[in-house]
Protein backbone atom coordinates (compact mmCIF):
# COMPACT_ATOMS: atom_id res chain seq x y z
CA MET A 1 0.13 0.05 0.00
CA ASN A 2 1.47 3.35 -1.06
CA ASN A 3 1.54 6.09 1.61
CA PHE A 4 -1.34 8.05 0.03
CA LYS A 5 -3.83 5.15 0.50
CA LYS A 6 -2.32 4.21 3.87
CA LEU A 7 -2.95 7.84 5.26
CA LYS A 8 -6.38 8.05 3.68
CA ASN A 9 -7.42 4.78 5.42
CA VAL A 10 -5.73 5.42 8.76
CA PHE A 11 -7.35 9.30 8.77
CA ALA A 12 -10.97 7.70 8.10
CA ASP A 13 -10.47 5.16 10.87
CA ALA A 14 -9.01 7.77 13.34
CA PHE A 15 -11.51 10.63 12.65
CA GLN A 16 -14.32 9.09 10.82
CA GLN A 17 -13.74 11.50 7.91
CA SER A 18 -11.74 11.63 4.84
CA PRO A 19 -8.67 13.98 4.87
CA GLU A 20 -9.17 17.17 2.86
CA LEU A 21 -5.74 16.95 1.38
CA ILE A 22 -2.49 15.01 1.80
CA VAL A 23 0.91 16.46 1.11
CA ARG A 24 4.29 15.12 0.55
CA ALA A 25 7.60 17.18 1.44
CA PRO A 26 11.00 15.29 0.64
CA GLY A 27 14.26 15.00 2.57
CA ARG A 28 17.41 16.30 0.97
CA ILE A 29 20.84 15.45 0.31
CA ASN A 30 23.85 17.98 -0.33
CA PHE A 31 26.53 16.97 -2.83
CA ILE A 32 28.98 19.76 -1.99
CA GLY A 33 29.17 23.09 -0.27
CA GLU A 34 29.22 22.07 3.59
CA HIS A 35 29.30 24.74 6.22
CA THR A 36 29.46 27.35 3.34
CA ASP A 37 25.61 28.51 4.23
CA TYR A 38 26.29 30.62 7.27
CA ASN A 39 29.28 31.95 5.44
CA ASN A 40 26.87 33.36 2.73
CA GLY A 41 28.53 31.08 0.18
CA PHE A 42 26.70 28.50 -2.05
CA VAL A 43 25.44 24.93 -1.54
CA LEU A 44 24.28 22.15 -4.01
CA PRO A 45 21.76 20.17 -2.60
CA ALA A 46 18.89 17.91 -4.11
CA ALA A 47 15.56 16.95 -2.81
CA ILE A 48 15.42 13.06 -2.55
CA ASP A 49 12.69 10.36 -3.14
CA LYS A 50 12.29 9.77 0.62
CA ALA A 51 9.63 12.14 2.23
CA VAL A 52 7.32 13.19 4.85
CA TYR A 53 3.48 12.58 4.11
CA MET A 54 0.70 14.21 5.96
CA ALA A 55 -3.08 14.21 5.84
CA PHE A 56 -4.88 17.31 7.07
CA ALA A 57 -8.44 18.14 7.83
CA LYS A 58 -9.99 21.14 9.72
CA SER A 59 -11.23 20.10 13.26
CA SER A 60 -14.69 21.18 14.40
CA SER A 61 -13.62 22.02 17.89
CA GLN A 62 -10.82 24.39 19.23
CA THR A 63 -8.52 21.43 19.84
CA GLY A 64 -7.04 19.23 17.21
CA GLU A 65 -5.47 15.86 17.18
CA TRP A 66 -1.98 15.03 15.77
CA ILE A 67 -1.05 11.62 15.14
CA ALA A 68 2.60 10.47 14.30
CA LEU A 69 2.15 6.93 12.98
CA ASP A 70 5.93 6.01 13.06
CA LEU A 71 6.23 7.13 16.69
CA ASN A 72 3.08 5.66 17.72
CA LYS A 73 2.00 9.00 19.38
CA ARG A 74 -1.19 11.13 19.48
CA VAL A 75 -1.50 14.36 21.15
CA GLU A 76 -4.39 16.84 21.32
CA ILE A 77 -3.32 20.58 20.64
CA ASP A 78 -5.09 23.64 21.97
CA PHE A 79 -5.02 26.04 19.07
CA ASN A 80 -5.77 28.95 21.59
CA ASP A 81 -2.61 28.44 23.23
CA ILE A 82 0.21 27.47 20.70
CA LYS A 83 3.48 27.23 22.40
CA PRO A 84 6.59 24.91 22.41
CA ALA A 85 5.93 21.24 23.80
CA ASN A 86 8.18 18.97 25.60
CA ASP A 87 7.82 16.37 23.06
CA SER A 88 10.27 17.31 20.27
CA TRP A 89 8.34 16.18 17.26
CA GLN A 90 5.46 18.42 18.01
CA ASN A 91 7.49 21.37 17.91
CA TYR A 92 8.17 21.15 14.24
CA LEU A 93 4.47 21.55 13.51
CA LEU A 94 3.88 24.11 16.43
CA GLY A 95 6.67 26.25 15.20
CA VAL A 96 5.02 26.38 11.84
CA VAL A 97 1.61 27.24 13.27
CA ASP A 98 3.10 30.07 15.21
CA GLN A 99 4.71 31.58 11.95
CA PHE A 100 1.63 31.60 10.17
CA ASN A 101 -0.31 33.16 13.10
CA LYS A 102 2.51 35.75 13.31
CA ARG A 103 1.87 36.87 9.91
CA GLY A 104 -1.93 37.50 10.73
CA CYS A 105 -2.87 34.25 9.05
CA ASN A 106 -4.71 32.79 11.81
CA VAL A 107 -4.70 29.05 11.79
CA SER A 108 -7.91 27.32 13.25
CA SER A 109 -7.61 23.79 14.59
CA PHE A 110 -6.80 20.93 12.41
CA ASN A 111 -6.51 17.21 12.69
CA CYS A 112 -3.46 15.53 11.10
CA ILE A 113 -1.62 12.04 10.64
CA ILE A 114 2.06 12.02 9.54
CA THR A 115 4.21 9.23 8.31
CA SER A 116 7.63 9.54 6.84
CA THR A 117 10.21 7.39 4.74
CA VAL A 118 12.96 9.81 5.61
CA PRO A 119 15.37 8.04 8.16
CA VAL A 120 15.62 10.31 11.31
CA GLY A 121 19.17 11.24 12.44
CA ALA A 122 20.88 10.10 9.34
CA GLY A 123 21.38 13.62 7.94
CA MET A 124 18.65 13.89 5.43
CA SER A 125 16.86 16.55 7.05
CA SER A 126 13.70 14.88 8.34
CA SER A 127 12.98 17.85 10.32
CA ALA A 128 12.79 20.39 7.43
CA ALA A 129 10.67 17.84 5.57
CA LEU A 130 8.36 17.92 8.40
CA GLU A 131 8.22 21.60 8.54
CA CYS A 132 7.62 21.87 4.82
CA ALA A 133 4.79 19.40 4.79
CA THR A 134 3.04 21.19 7.66
CA ALA A 135 3.40 24.59 6.07
CA LEU A 136 2.29 23.32 2.64
CA GLY A 137 -0.71 21.63 4.39
CA ILE A 138 -1.72 24.61 6.20
CA GLN A 139 -1.40 27.09 3.15
CA HIS A 140 -3.82 24.69 1.13
CA LEU A 141 -6.03 23.93 3.86
CA TYR A 142 -6.80 27.54 4.77
CA GLY A 143 -6.28 29.06 1.20
CA PHE A 144 -3.43 31.46 2.30
CA ASN A 145 -1.41 32.87 -0.24
CA ILE A 146 2.27 32.77 0.78
CA ASN A 147 5.04 32.38 -1.83
CA LYS A 148 7.37 29.51 -1.65
CA LEU A 149 10.40 31.51 -0.71
CA GLU A 150 8.61 32.91 2.26
CA ILE A 151 7.28 29.53 3.25
CA ALA A 152 10.96 28.28 3.38
CA LYS A 153 11.88 31.17 5.60
CA MET A 154 8.83 30.54 7.72
CA CYS A 155 10.02 27.02 8.52
CA GLN A 156 13.52 28.18 8.98
CA ALA A 157 12.22 30.54 11.68
CA ALA A 158 10.19 27.60 13.21
CA GLU A 159 13.22 25.37 13.70
CA HIS A 160 15.00 28.37 15.20
CA GLU A 161 12.50 29.32 17.64
CA TYR A 162 10.62 26.13 18.48
CA ALA A 163 13.09 23.34 17.89
CA GLY A 164 16.04 25.51 18.98
CA ALA A 165 18.24 24.81 16.18
CA LYS A 166 19.90 27.63 14.21
CA VAL A 167 19.98 26.06 10.84
CA GLY A 168 20.51 27.65 7.54
CA ILE A 169 17.75 27.72 4.93
CA MET A 170 19.18 25.20 2.64
CA ASP A 171 17.21 22.27 4.02
CA MET A 172 13.93 23.99 3.56
CA PHE A 173 14.74 25.37 0.26
CA ALA A 174 15.92 21.95 -1.15
CA SER A 175 12.61 20.37 0.20
CA LEU A 176 10.38 23.01 -1.49
CA TYR A 177 12.22 23.79 -4.67
CA GLY A 178 13.73 20.17 -5.67
CA LYS A 179 13.65 19.03 -9.19
CA LYS A 180 13.71 15.29 -10.49
CA ASP A 181 17.25 14.55 -11.50
CA LYS A 182 18.38 18.17 -10.72
CA VAL A 183 20.64 19.72 -8.20
CA ILE A 184 19.89 23.24 -7.07
CA LYS A 185 22.97 25.79 -6.73
CA LEU A 186 21.60 28.29 -4.10
CA ASP A 187 23.25 31.42 -3.17
CA CYS A 188 22.82 31.47 0.57
CA ARG A 189 23.46 35.44 0.47
CA SER A 190 20.81 36.44 -2.14
CA LEU A 191 18.79 33.29 -2.24
CA GLU A 192 19.01 33.20 -6.09
CA TYR A 193 19.20 29.55 -7.51
CA GLU A 194 19.89 27.71 -10.57
CA TYR A 195 19.23 24.14 -11.58
CA PHE A 196 21.99 21.92 -12.73
CA PRO A 197 21.43 18.35 -14.31
CA LEU A 198 22.44 15.43 -12.53
CA ASN A 199 23.13 13.16 -15.44
CA ILE A 200 24.44 10.03 -13.66
CA PRO A 201 22.81 7.13 -15.53
CA SER A 202 25.39 4.26 -14.50
CA TYR A 203 25.89 5.70 -11.05
CA GLU A 204 23.71 5.33 -7.95
CA ILE A 205 23.57 7.70 -5.04
CA ILE A 206 24.35 5.82 -1.94
CA LEU A 207 24.39 6.96 1.66
CA PHE A 208 26.24 4.86 4.24
CA ASP A 209 25.12 5.67 7.77
CA THR A 210 27.70 5.34 10.36
CA GLY A 211 24.85 5.11 13.08
CA VAL A 212 26.49 7.62 15.19
CA LYS A 213 25.73 11.16 16.15
CA HIS A 214 28.26 12.59 18.54
CA GLU A 215 26.93 15.11 21.19
CA LEU A 216 29.63 17.60 20.03
CA ALA A 217 27.73 18.45 16.71
CA SER A 218 25.46 21.21 18.02
CA GLY A 219 28.15 23.01 20.17
CA GLU A 220 30.93 22.64 17.62
CA TYR A 221 28.63 24.07 15.03
CA ASN A 222 28.42 27.29 16.87
CA VAL A 223 31.99 27.31 17.59
CA ARG A 224 32.79 27.02 14.01
CA ARG A 225 30.41 30.01 12.98
CA LYS A 226 32.28 32.14 15.48
CA GLN A 227 35.61 31.28 14.26
CA CYS A 228 34.69 32.11 10.52
CA GLU A 229 33.26 35.40 11.91
CA GLU A 230 36.50 35.95 13.68
CA GLY A 231 38.50 35.36 10.53
CA ALA A 232 36.41 37.49 8.30
CA ALA A 233 36.60 40.34 10.95
CA ILE A 234 40.38 40.21 10.87
CA LEU A 235 40.36 40.48 6.96
CA LYS A 236 37.70 43.30 6.98
CA LYS A 237 40.31 45.54 8.20
CA TYR A 238 41.95 45.31 4.60
CA ASP A 239 38.77 45.46 2.71
CA ALA A 240 35.65 47.24 4.13
CA ASN A 241 33.39 45.33 1.49
CA ILE A 242 34.07 42.07 3.42
CA GLN A 243 30.77 40.92 5.22
CA SER A 244 31.65 37.22 5.43
CA LEU A 245 34.07 34.65 4.18
CA ARG A 246 32.23 34.70 1.04
CA ASP A 247 33.62 37.93 0.05
CA VAL A 248 37.45 36.83 0.79
CA PRO A 249 39.71 36.07 -1.94
CA MET A 250 42.16 33.19 -1.15
CA LYS A 251 44.97 35.51 -1.84
CA LEU A 252 43.83 38.08 0.82
CA LEU A 253 43.80 35.36 3.25
CA GLN A 254 47.16 34.04 2.56
CA GLN A 255 48.66 37.54 2.73
CA HIS A 256 47.25 37.88 6.34
CA LYS A 257 47.82 34.46 7.42
CA ASN A 258 50.11 35.36 10.24
CA GLU A 259 47.66 37.73 11.98
CA MET A 260 45.29 34.98 12.70
CA ASP A 261 45.39 31.91 15.21
CA GLU A 262 46.30 28.69 13.09
CA ILE A 263 42.86 27.29 13.91
CA ILE A 264 41.13 30.27 12.41
CA TYR A 265 43.27 30.30 9.43
CA LYS A 266 42.43 26.58 8.76
CA ARG A 267 38.71 27.08 9.02
CA CYS A 268 38.90 30.22 6.89
CA PHE A 269 40.98 28.36 4.16
CA TYR A 270 38.63 25.53 4.18
CA VAL A 271 35.29 27.66 3.68
CA ILE A 272 36.98 29.94 0.96
CA ASP A 273 38.14 26.74 -0.83
CA GLU A 274 34.83 24.96 -0.51
CA ILE A 275 32.94 28.06 -2.01
CA SER A 276 35.09 27.97 -5.05
CA ARG A 277 35.08 24.18 -5.35
CA THR A 278 31.17 24.35 -5.24
CA LEU A 279 30.93 26.69 -8.18
CA ALA A 280 33.53 24.52 -10.14
CA ALA A 281 31.58 21.44 -9.46
CA CYS A 282 28.57 22.94 -11.19
CA LYS A 283 30.66 23.36 -14.37
CA ASP A 284 31.61 19.62 -14.05
CA LEU A 285 27.92 18.92 -14.12
CA LEU A 286 27.34 20.88 -17.18
CA ARG A 287 30.07 18.67 -18.93
CA ASN A 288 28.64 15.51 -17.58
CA ASP A 289 31.98 15.01 -15.84
CA ILE A 290 31.09 12.83 -12.95
CA ILE A 291 34.78 11.72 -12.31
CA ALA A 292 35.89 15.54 -11.67
CA PHE A 293 32.64 16.07 -9.80
CA GLY A 294 33.48 12.91 -7.60
CA LYS A 295 37.17 14.29 -7.09
CA LYS A 296 35.68 17.33 -5.69
CA MET A 297 33.54 15.30 -3.06
CA TYR A 298 36.78 13.56 -1.93
CA ALA A 299 38.50 17.09 -1.64
CA THR A 300 35.44 18.35 0.54
CA HIS A 301 35.78 15.48 2.82
CA ASP A 302 39.49 16.11 3.22
CA GLY A 303 38.89 19.65 4.03
CA LEU A 304 36.04 18.91 6.53
CA SER A 305 38.22 16.30 8.21
CA LYS A 306 41.68 17.93 8.41
CA LEU A 307 40.99 21.62 8.32
CA TYR A 308 37.44 22.37 9.57
CA GLU A 309 37.63 19.14 11.92
CA VAL A 310 34.07 18.20 12.07
CA SER A 311 34.46 14.61 10.90
CA CYS A 312 34.85 11.52 13.16
CA ASP A 313 36.64 8.09 12.98
CA GLU A 314 33.63 6.44 11.35
CA LEU A 315 33.13 9.02 8.53
CA ASP A 316 36.87 9.03 7.83
CA PHE A 317 36.89 5.24 7.50
CA LEU A 318 33.95 5.21 5.20
CA ALA A 319 35.47 7.86 2.81
CA ASP A 320 38.82 6.29 2.88
CA ALA A 321 37.36 2.75 2.22
CA VAL A 322 35.99 3.72 -1.19
CA ARG A 323 38.70 6.18 -2.25
CA ASN A 324 40.70 3.98 -4.39
CA ASN A 325 37.74 1.99 -5.51
CA THR A 326 37.25 2.19 -9.36
CA ASP A 327 33.41 1.80 -9.10
CA THR A 328 33.26 4.96 -6.91
CA ALA A 329 33.52 8.25 -8.39
CA GLY A 330 33.28 10.18 -5.14
CA ALA A 331 32.35 10.14 -1.66
CA ARG A 332 32.38 12.72 1.44
CA MET A 333 30.75 13.26 4.80
CA MET A 334 27.62 14.82 4.42
CA GLY A 335 26.01 17.34 6.93
CA GLY A 336 27.10 19.09 10.11
CA GLY A 337 29.51 16.59 11.12
CA PHE A 338 30.56 14.06 13.90
CA GLY A 339 28.36 11.34 12.68
CA GLY A 340 25.60 10.72 10.18
CA CYS A 341 26.16 9.48 6.54
CA THR A 342 28.82 9.56 3.76
CA ILE A 343 27.28 10.35 0.43
CA ASN A 344 28.70 8.24 -2.37
CA LEU A 345 28.52 8.00 -6.38
CA ILE A 346 28.78 4.30 -6.86
CA LYS A 347 28.29 2.52 -10.19
CA GLU A 348 24.93 0.60 -9.90
CA ASN A 349 26.25 -2.79 -10.79
CA ALA A 350 28.68 -2.64 -7.93
CA VAL A 351 26.71 -1.23 -5.08
CA ASP A 352 25.73 -4.64 -3.41
CA ASP A 353 29.13 -6.15 -3.38
CA LEU A 354 30.56 -2.94 -2.20
CA TYR A 355 27.89 -2.83 0.72
CA LYS A 356 28.63 -6.34 1.74
CA GLU A 357 32.27 -5.87 1.92
CA LEU A 358 32.17 -2.51 3.68
CA LYS A 359 29.29 -3.78 6.18
CA GLU A 360 31.75 -6.48 7.38
CA ARG A 361 34.74 -4.26 7.75
CA TYR A 362 32.82 -1.53 9.60
CA LYS A 363 31.33 -3.93 11.81
CA ASN A 364 34.69 -5.47 12.81
CA LYS A 365 36.22 -2.23 13.37
CA PHE A 366 33.45 -0.33 15.22
CA GLN A 367 31.19 -2.97 16.41
CA LYS A 368 28.23 -1.23 14.67
CA GLU A 369 25.91 -2.12 11.76
CA LEU A 370 26.38 -0.13 8.72
CA LYS A 371 23.24 1.02 7.20
CA MET A 372 22.65 1.81 3.57
CA TYR A 373 20.22 4.01 1.68
CA LYS A 374 19.78 4.39 -2.04
CA VAL A 375 18.25 7.82 -2.94
CA ARG A 376 17.75 9.81 -6.16
CA ALA A 377 16.98 13.20 -6.76
CA ASP A 378 13.19 14.02 -7.06
CA ASP A 379 10.54 16.74 -7.03
CA GLY A 380 10.06 19.09 -4.33
CA ALA A 381 6.97 19.43 -1.81
CA ASP A 382 3.65 19.07 -3.42
CA VAL A 383 -0.21 18.28 -2.73
CA LEU A 384 -0.91 14.72 -3.69
């Protein structure tokens, strides 16, 4: 049974009515451009064929019931008292409701049911998918007229204010703007974007999930932001137009290398290098040069591991394990770091054998099971 039929049937059983609409919002991957978003740089994400599905109908009372099928949880929400909850999954929805209310688009009570095929905690932005599905559902349920970019910003603000995560806009943008077999070059300063072809007929996009998420991640993320800001502030003395590392030429960084702490220098070097690498990777896609594109993925991993220092033993092991494999065009850690997945471009006829070998080696070294996900670039959020 597909997710559409499943939700329709479960909704009818739970609420004795059919849903008024069912929406889908996908998770995302990011091929290149990591930790560049808060430096006003470029990213290269794609929406994927794993998504959050939500069924909606207005409620006849001031309360609504929300059911998270995969968590086996059901809560009653008082729409006259929207505020953060203790149970984290609710906050992704509550934060979005709050954003509509703040814009004068008052959301009366609704019932909804949620199910998802986006693995939680694997770095595919299940939270952004949930926020985007909620926002799209509310938009259509009540007939609000808010453009897609504003919805992305609302979902970002919801995560900041209700989930407490100071994320960039990439995840929401990719979930809303994705296109099948395309990646999005997103300028994180202007929010201008452009689609590039992902023409990889003989390759699969494979995510290897380390199964770990170190507690360092959120704290170290904030540390990296401050280090980048500190580097940009030092260099701004030599060019008043510098607002962030996006504006810094590598030559200027090298000229003033001795004026900054070695760690600050390494962070700046990585970000400036990664921004130019992301732009170059777009040219590789236009030429269908997947080998050159893949080499840049490896270079990104090395920068994240050695210069930005946000990798971990498990991620480094997985990237290094496929580096000299002729069936693998490229690999790198994906996401904020300290755990999650590596993203790999692997020839489709080699995937199963490589996974079998890696799974055994990973288990022997880390005493953990290695999960694998096959994904493809897919369309963004829509009403089914």
